[in-house]
């Protein structure tokens, strides 16, 4: 399971990339991220897999919380 609560990520120049992202993906569910270039799809995935940090919010992976 992946649960994201109030995720926020901004770049150093002050541009907010992700703002108040809330998402729950249950075991066995399949999701796709779609959107225009620059919408934050890759940034969201990098936050989930730990390759990028984020400013605030929580990410729970299989009931283990990862904090900003």
PDB file of N, CA and C in Angstrom:
ATOM      1  N   UNK A   1       0.831  -1.177   0.000  1.00  0.00           N
ATOM      2  CA  UNK A   1       0.000   0.000   0.000  1.00  0.00           C
ATOM      3  C   UNK A   1       0.878   1.245   0.000  1.00  0.00           C
ATOM      4  N   UNK A   2       0.447   2.244  -0.723  1.00  0.00           N
ATOM      5  CA  UNK A   2       1.094   3.558  -0.717  1.00  0.00           C
ATOM      6  C   UNK A   2       0.036   4.579  -0.330  1.00  0.00           C
ATOM      7  N   UNK A   3       0.348   5.367   0.675  1.00  0.00           N
ATOM      8  CA  UNK A   3      -0.562   6.443   1.070  1.00  0.00           C
ATOM      9  C   UNK A   3       0.234   7.733   1.173  1.00  0.00           C
ATOM     10  N   UNK A   4      -0.252   8.759   0.521  1.00  0.00           N
ATOM     11  CA  UNK A   4       0.400  10.074   0.515  1.00  0.00           C
ATOM     12  C   UNK A   4      -0.579  11.062   1.133  1.00  0.00           C
ATOM     13  N   UNK A   5      -0.090  11.846   2.096  1.00  0.00           N
ATOM     14  CA  UNK A   5      -0.936  12.828   2.772  1.00  0.00           C
ATOM     15  C   UNK A   5      -0.272  14.200   2.733  1.00  0.00           C
ATOM     16  N   UNK A   6      -0.963  15.150   2.138  1.00  0.00           N
ATOM     17  CA  UNK A   6      -0.570  16.571   2.145  1.00  0.00           C
ATOM     18  C   UNK A   6       0.860  16.805   1.676  1.00  0.00           C
ATOM     19  N   UNK A   7       1.276  16.107   0.643  1.00  0.00           N
ATOM     20  CA  UNK A   7       2.646  16.225   0.142  1.00  0.00           C
ATOM     21  C   UNK A   7       2.861  17.568  -0.548  1.00  0.00           C
ATOM     22  N   UNK A   8       3.958  18.224  -0.211  1.00  0.00           N
ATOM     23  CA  UNK A   8       4.317  19.497  -0.828  1.00  0.00           C
ATOM     24  C   UNK A   8       5.798  19.490  -1.176  1.00  0.00           C
ATOM     25  N   UNK A   9       6.105  19.970  -2.375  1.00  0.00           N
ATOM     26  CA  UNK A   9       7.497  20.057  -2.837  1.00  0.00           C
ATOM     27  C   UNK A   9       7.654  21.348  -3.610  1.00  0.00           C
ATOM     28  N   UNK A  10       8.662  22.130  -3.260  1.00  0.00           N
ATOM     29  CA  UNK A  10       8.985  23.370  -3.971  1.00  0.00           C
ATOM     30  C   UNK A  10      10.436  23.343  -4.375  1.00  0.00           C
ATOM     31  N   UNK A  11      10.743  23.986  -5.468  1.00  0.00           N
ATOM     32  CA  UNK A  11      12.137  24.131  -5.893  1.00  0.00           C
ATOM     33  C   UNK A  11      12.782  25.277  -5.123  1.00  0.00           C
ATOM     34  N   UNK A  12      14.082  25.370  -5.176  1.00  0.00           N
ATOM     35  CA  UNK A  12      14.816  26.385  -4.410  1.00  0.00           C
ATOM     36  C   UNK A  12      14.468  27.801  -4.859  1.00  0.00           C
ATOM     37  N   UNK A  13      13.970  27.963  -6.081  1.00  0.00           N
ATOM     38  CA  UNK A  13      13.593  29.295  -6.549  1.00  0.00           C
ATOM     39  C   UNK A  13      12.173  29.685  -6.129  1.00  0.00           C
ATOM     40  N   UNK A  14      11.533  28.827  -5.304  1.00  0.00           N
ATOM     41  CA  UNK A  14      10.219  29.143  -4.764  1.00  0.00           C
ATOM     42  C   UNK A  14       9.048  28.622  -5.566  1.00  0.00           C
ATOM     43  N   UNK A  15       9.304  27.986  -6.703  1.00  0.00           N
ATOM     44  CA  UNK A  15       8.213  27.444  -7.515  1.00  0.00           C
ATOM     45  C   UNK A  15       7.703  26.157  -6.872  1.00  0.00           C
ATOM     46  N   UNK A  16       6.400  26.099  -6.589  1.00  0.00           N
ATOM     47  CA  UNK A  16       5.786  24.914  -6.001  1.00  0.00           C
ATOM     48  C   UNK A  16       5.459  23.924  -7.109  1.00  0.00           C
ATOM     49  N   UNK A  17       6.005  22.712  -6.979  1.00  0.00           N
ATOM     50  CA  UNK A  17       5.803  21.664  -7.984  1.00  0.00           C
ATOM     51  C   UNK A  17       4.652  20.754  -7.582  1.00  0.00           C
ATOM     52  N   UNK A  18       4.621  20.354  -6.318  1.00  0.00           N
ATOM     53  CA  UNK A  18       3.562  19.508  -5.780  1.00  0.00           C
ATOM     54  C   UNK A  18       2.945  20.246  -4.605  1.00  0.00           C
ATOM     55  N   UNK A  19       1.621  20.321  -4.574  1.00  0.00           N
ATOM     56  CA  UNK A  19       0.961  21.070  -3.506  1.00  0.00           C
ATOM     57  C   UNK A  19      -0.271  20.308  -3.030  1.00  0.00           C
ATOM     58  N   UNK A  20      -0.236  19.877  -1.775  1.00  0.00           N
ATOM     59  CA  UNK A  20      -1.348  19.191  -1.131  1.00  0.00           C
ATOM     60  C   UNK A  20      -1.771  17.934  -1.903  1.00  0.00           C
ATOM     61  N   UNK A  21      -0.815  17.072  -2.204  1.00  0.00           N
ATOM     62  CA  UNK A  21      -1.085  15.821  -2.904  1.00  0.00           C
ATOM     63  C   UNK A  21      -1.553  14.784  -1.887  1.00  0.00           C
ATOM     64  N   UNK A  22      -2.711  14.188  -2.145  1.00  0.00           N
ATOM     65  CA  UNK A  22      -3.281  13.130  -1.309  1.00  0.00           C
ATOM     66  C   UNK A  22      -3.652  11.972  -2.213  1.00  0.00           C
ATOM     67  N   UNK A  23      -3.181  10.770  -1.867  1.00  0.00           N
ATOM     68  CA  UNK A  23      -3.388   9.620  -2.729  1.00  0.00           C
ATOM     69  C   UNK A  23      -3.271   8.349  -1.904  1.00  0.00           C
ATOM     70  N   UNK A  24      -4.149   7.397  -2.163  1.00  0.00           N
ATOM     71  CA  UNK A  24      -4.052   6.079  -1.541  1.00  0.00           C
ATOM     72  C   UNK A  24      -4.110   5.032  -2.636  1.00  0.00           C
ATOM     73  N   UNK A  25      -3.108   4.164  -2.670  1.00  0.00           N
ATOM     74  CA  UNK A  25      -3.054   3.055  -3.620  1.00  0.00           C
ATOM     75  C   UNK A  25      -3.008   1.774  -2.802  1.00  0.00           C
ATOM     76  N   UNK A  26      -4.058   0.995  -2.907  1.00  0.00           N
ATOM     77  CA  UNK A  26      -4.148  -0.262  -2.158  1.00  0.00           C
ATOM     78  C   UNK A  26      -3.326  -1.354  -2.846  1.00  0.00           C
ATOM     79  N   UNK A  27      -2.961  -2.386  -2.096  1.00  0.00           N
ATOM     80  CA  UNK A  27      -2.252  -3.534  -2.661  1.00  0.00           C
ATOM     81  C   UNK A  27      -3.037  -4.091  -3.846  1.00  0.00           C
ATOM     82  N   UNK A  28      -2.354  -4.333  -4.940  1.00  0.00           N
ATOM     83  CA  UNK A  28      -2.974  -4.905  -6.127  1.00  0.00           C
ATOM     84  C   UNK A  28      -3.548  -3.886  -7.088  1.00  0.00           C
ATOM     85  N   UNK A  29      -3.683  -2.620  -6.667  1.00  0.00           N
ATOM     86  CA  UNK A  29      -4.188  -1.580  -7.564  1.00  0.00           C
ATOM     87  C   UNK A  29      -3.105  -1.168  -8.552  1.00  0.00           C
ATOM     88  N   UNK A  30      -3.515  -0.772  -9.727  1.00  0.00           N
ATOM     89  CA  UNK A  30      -2.595  -0.281 -10.753  1.00  0.00           C
ATOM     90  C   UNK A  30      -3.030   1.135 -11.117  1.00  0.00           C
ATOM     91  N   UNK A  31      -2.101   2.062 -11.056  1.00  0.00           N
ATOM     92  CA  UNK A  31      -2.361   3.460 -11.377  1.00  0.00           C
ATOM     93  C   UNK A  31      -1.409   3.917 -12.470  1.00  0.00           C
ATOM     94  N   UNK A  32      -1.793   4.973 -13.162  1.00  0.00           N
ATOM     95  CA  UNK A  32      -0.935   5.626 -14.148  1.00  0.00           C
ATOM     96  C   UNK A  32      -0.928   7.120 -13.842  1.00  0.00           C
ATOM     97  N   UNK A  33       0.217   7.739 -13.981  1.00  0.00           N
ATOM     98  CA  UNK A  33       0.329   9.191 -13.844  1.00  0.00           C
ATOM     99  C   UNK A  33       0.384   9.777 -15.243  1.00  0.00           C
ATOM    100  N   UNK A  34      -0.551  10.645 -15.550  1.00  0.00           N
ATOM    101  CA  UNK A  34      -0.574  11.291 -16.857  1.00  0.00           C
ATOM    102  C   UNK A  34      -0.682  12.790 -16.653  1.00  0.00           C
ATOM    103  N   UNK A  35      -0.166  13.526 -17.592  1.00  0.00           N
ATOM    104  CA  UNK A  35      -0.232  14.979 -17.530  1.00  0.00           C
ATOM    105  C   UNK A  35       0.761  15.589 -18.474  1.00  0.00           C
ATOM    106  N   UNK A  36       0.666  16.870 -18.614  1.00  0.00           N
ATOM    107  CA  UNK A  36       1.561  17.577 -19.537  1.00  0.00           C
ATOM    108  C   UNK A  36       2.978  17.649 -18.986  1.00  0.00           C
ATOM    109  N   UNK A  37       3.872  17.993 -19.825  1.00  0.00           N
ATOM    110  CA  UNK A  37       5.277  18.142 -19.446  1.00  0.00           C
ATOM    111  C   UNK A  37       5.399  19.222 -18.370  1.00  0.00           C
ATOM    112  N   UNK A  38       6.130  18.900 -17.312  1.00  0.00           N
ATOM    113  CA  UNK A  38       6.331  19.859 -16.235  1.00  0.00           C
ATOM    114  C   UNK A  38       5.264  19.841 -15.158  1.00  0.00           C
ATOM    115  N   UNK A  39       4.326  18.894 -15.243  1.00  0.00           N
ATOM    116  CA  UNK A  39       3.227  18.855 -14.278  1.00  0.00           C
ATOM    117  C   UNK A  39       3.633  18.278 -12.928  1.00  0.00           C
ATOM    118  N   UNK A  40       4.789  17.596 -12.836  1.00  0.00           N
ATOM    119  CA  UNK A  40       5.257  17.053 -11.565  1.00  0.00           C
ATOM    120  C   UNK A  40       5.169  15.541 -11.455  1.00  0.00           C
ATOM    121  N   UNK A  41       4.901  14.858 -12.548  1.00  0.00           N
ATOM    122  CA  UNK A  41       4.770  13.390 -12.520  1.00  0.00           C
ATOM    123  C   UNK A  41       6.053  12.722 -12.043  1.00  0.00           C
ATOM    124  N   UNK A  42       7.157  13.043 -12.659  1.00  0.00           N
ATOM    125  CA  UNK A  42       8.438  12.436 -12.285  1.00  0.00           C
ATOM    126  C   UNK A  42       8.861  12.853 -10.887  1.00  0.00           C
ATOM    127  N   UNK A  43       8.587  14.086 -10.518  1.00  0.00           N
ATOM    128  CA  UNK A  43       8.919  14.563  -9.178  1.00  0.00           C
ATOM    129  C   UNK A  43       8.152  13.776  -8.128  1.00  0.00           C
ATOM    130  N   UNK A  44       6.877  13.516  -8.374  1.00  0.00           N
ATOM    131  CA  UNK A  44       6.077  12.721  -7.444  1.00  0.00           C
ATOM    132  C   UNK A  44       6.657  11.318  -7.302  1.00  0.00           C
ATOM    133  N   UNK A  45       6.997  10.689  -8.409  1.00  0.00           N
ATOM    134  CA  UNK A  45       7.583   9.345  -8.350  1.00  0.00           C
ATOM    135  C   UNK A  45       8.924   9.347  -7.621  1.00  0.00           C
ATOM    136  N   UNK A  46       9.733  10.386  -7.835  1.00  0.00           N
ATOM    137  CA  UNK A  46      11.026  10.479  -7.146  1.00  0.00           C
ATOM    138  C   UNK A  46      10.841  10.682  -5.640  1.00  0.00           C
ATOM    139  N   UNK A  47       9.802  11.389  -5.238  1.00  0.00           N
ATOM    140  CA  UNK A  47       9.504  11.535  -3.807  1.00  0.00           C
ATOM    141  C   UNK A  47       9.077  10.198  -3.218  1.00  0.00           C
ATOM    142  N   UNK A  48       8.239   9.458  -3.929  1.00  0.00           N
ATOM    143  CA  UNK A  48       7.761   8.174  -3.433  1.00  0.00           C
ATOM    144  C   UNK A  48       8.898   7.181  -3.272  1.00  0.00           C
ATOM    145  N   UNK A  49       9.803   7.115  -4.257  1.00  0.00           N
ATOM    146  CA  UNK A  49      10.870   6.110  -4.176  1.00  0.00           C
ATOM    147  C   UNK A  49      12.100   6.589  -3.410  1.00  0.00           C
ATOM    148  N   UNK A  50      12.056   7.796  -2.865  1.00  0.00           N
ATOM    149  CA  UNK A  50      13.128   8.276  -1.999  1.00  0.00           C
ATOM    150  C   UNK A  50      14.290   8.939  -2.710  1.00  0.00           C
ATOM    151  N   UNK A  51      14.188   9.150  -4.011  1.00  0.00           N
ATOM    152  CA  UNK A  51      15.279   9.815  -4.745  1.00  0.00           C
ATOM    153  C   UNK A  51      15.235  11.327  -4.619  1.00  0.00           C
ATOM    154  N   UNK A  52      14.106  11.863  -4.159  1.00  0.00           N
ATOM    155  CA  UNK A  52      13.981  13.307  -3.952  1.00  0.00           C
ATOM    156  C   UNK A  52      13.282  13.536  -2.614  1.00  0.00           C
ATOM    157  N   UNK A  53      13.678  14.593  -1.965  1.00  0.00           N
ATOM    158  CA  UNK A  53      13.017  14.971  -0.725  1.00  0.00           C
ATOM    159  C   UNK A  53      11.798  15.831  -1.022  1.00  0.00           C
ATOM    160  N   UNK A  54      11.062  16.179   0.002  1.00  0.00           N
ATOM    161  CA  UNK A  54       9.898  17.047  -0.143  1.00  0.00           C
ATOM    162  C   UNK A  54       9.816  17.935   1.084  1.00  0.00           C
ATOM    163  N   UNK A  55       9.037  18.989   0.963  1.00  0.00           N
ATOM    164  CA  UNK A  55       9.002  20.016   1.999  1.00  0.00           C
ATOM    165  C   UNK A  55       8.129  19.641   3.196  1.00  0.00           C
ATOM    166  N   UNK A  56       6.969  19.062   2.930  1.00  0.00           N
ATOM    167  CA  UNK A  56       6.074  18.689   4.019  1.00  0.00           C
ATOM    168  C   UNK A  56       5.136  17.589   3.550  1.00  0.00           C
ATOM    169  N   UNK A  57       4.457  16.990   4.520  1.00  0.00           N
ATOM    170  CA  UNK A  57       3.545  15.893   4.245  1.00  0.00           C
ATOM    171  C   UNK A  57       4.141  14.569   4.676  1.00  0.00           C
ATOM    172  N   UNK A  58       3.430  13.506   4.363  1.00  0.00           N
ATOM    173  CA  UNK A  58       3.871  12.171   4.748  1.00  0.00           C
ATOM    174  C   UNK A  58       3.648  11.193   3.602  1.00  0.00           C
ATOM    175  N   UNK A  59       4.551  10.235   3.494  1.00  0.00           N
ATOM    176  CA  UNK A  59       4.400   9.126   2.561  1.00  0.00           C
ATOM    177  C   UNK A  59       4.504   7.845   3.367  1.00  0.00           C
ATOM    178  N   UNK A  60       3.472   7.021   3.274  1.00  0.00           N
ATOM    179  CA  UNK A  60       3.456   5.719   3.942  1.00  0.00           C
ATOM    180  C   UNK A  60       3.621   4.644   2.880  1.00  0.00           C
ATOM    181  N   UNK A  61       4.635   3.806   3.018  1.00  0.00           N
ATOM    182  CA  UNK A  61       4.861   2.682   2.112  1.00  0.00           C
ATOM    183  C   UNK A  61       4.689   1.413   2.911  1.00  0.00           C
ATOM    184  N   UNK A  62       3.668   0.627   2.597  1.00  0.00           N
ATOM    185  CA  UNK A  62       3.378  -0.617   3.312  1.00  0.00           C
ATOM    186  C   UNK A  62       3.366  -0.381   4.826  1.00  0.00           C
ATOM    187  N   UNK A  63       2.698   0.700   5.234  1.00  0.00           N
ATOM    188  CA  UNK A  63       2.528   1.080   6.650  1.00  0.00           C
ATOM    189  C   UNK A  63       3.804   1.581   7.321  1.00  0.00           C
ATOM    190  N   UNK A  64       4.858   1.861   6.556  1.00  0.00           N
ATOM    191  CA  UNK A  64       6.061   2.492   7.097  1.00  0.00           C
ATOM    192  C   UNK A  64       6.073   3.933   6.627  1.00  0.00           C
ATOM    193  N   UNK A  65       6.135   4.876   7.565  1.00  0.00           N
ATOM    194  CA  UNK A  65       6.073   6.286   7.225  1.00  0.00           C
ATOM    195  C   UNK A  65       7.445   6.837   6.871  1.00  0.00           C
ATOM    196  N   UNK A  66       7.490   7.616   5.796  1.00  0.00           N
ATOM    197  CA  UNK A  66       8.680   8.364   5.410  1.00  0.00           C
ATOM    198  C   UNK A  66       8.336   9.838   5.563  1.00  0.00           C
ATOM    199  N   UNK A  67       9.089  10.574   6.373  1.00  0.00           N
ATOM    200  CA  UNK A  67       8.829  11.994   6.597  1.00  0.00           C
ATOM    201  C   UNK A  67       9.682  12.850   5.702  1.00  0.00           C
ATOM    202  N   UNK A  68       9.255  14.090   5.557  1.00  0.00           N
ATOM    203  CA  UNK A  68       9.982  15.074   4.760  1.00  0.00           C
ATOM    204  C   UNK A  68      11.349  15.328   5.355  1.00  0.00           C
TER     205      UNK A  68
END
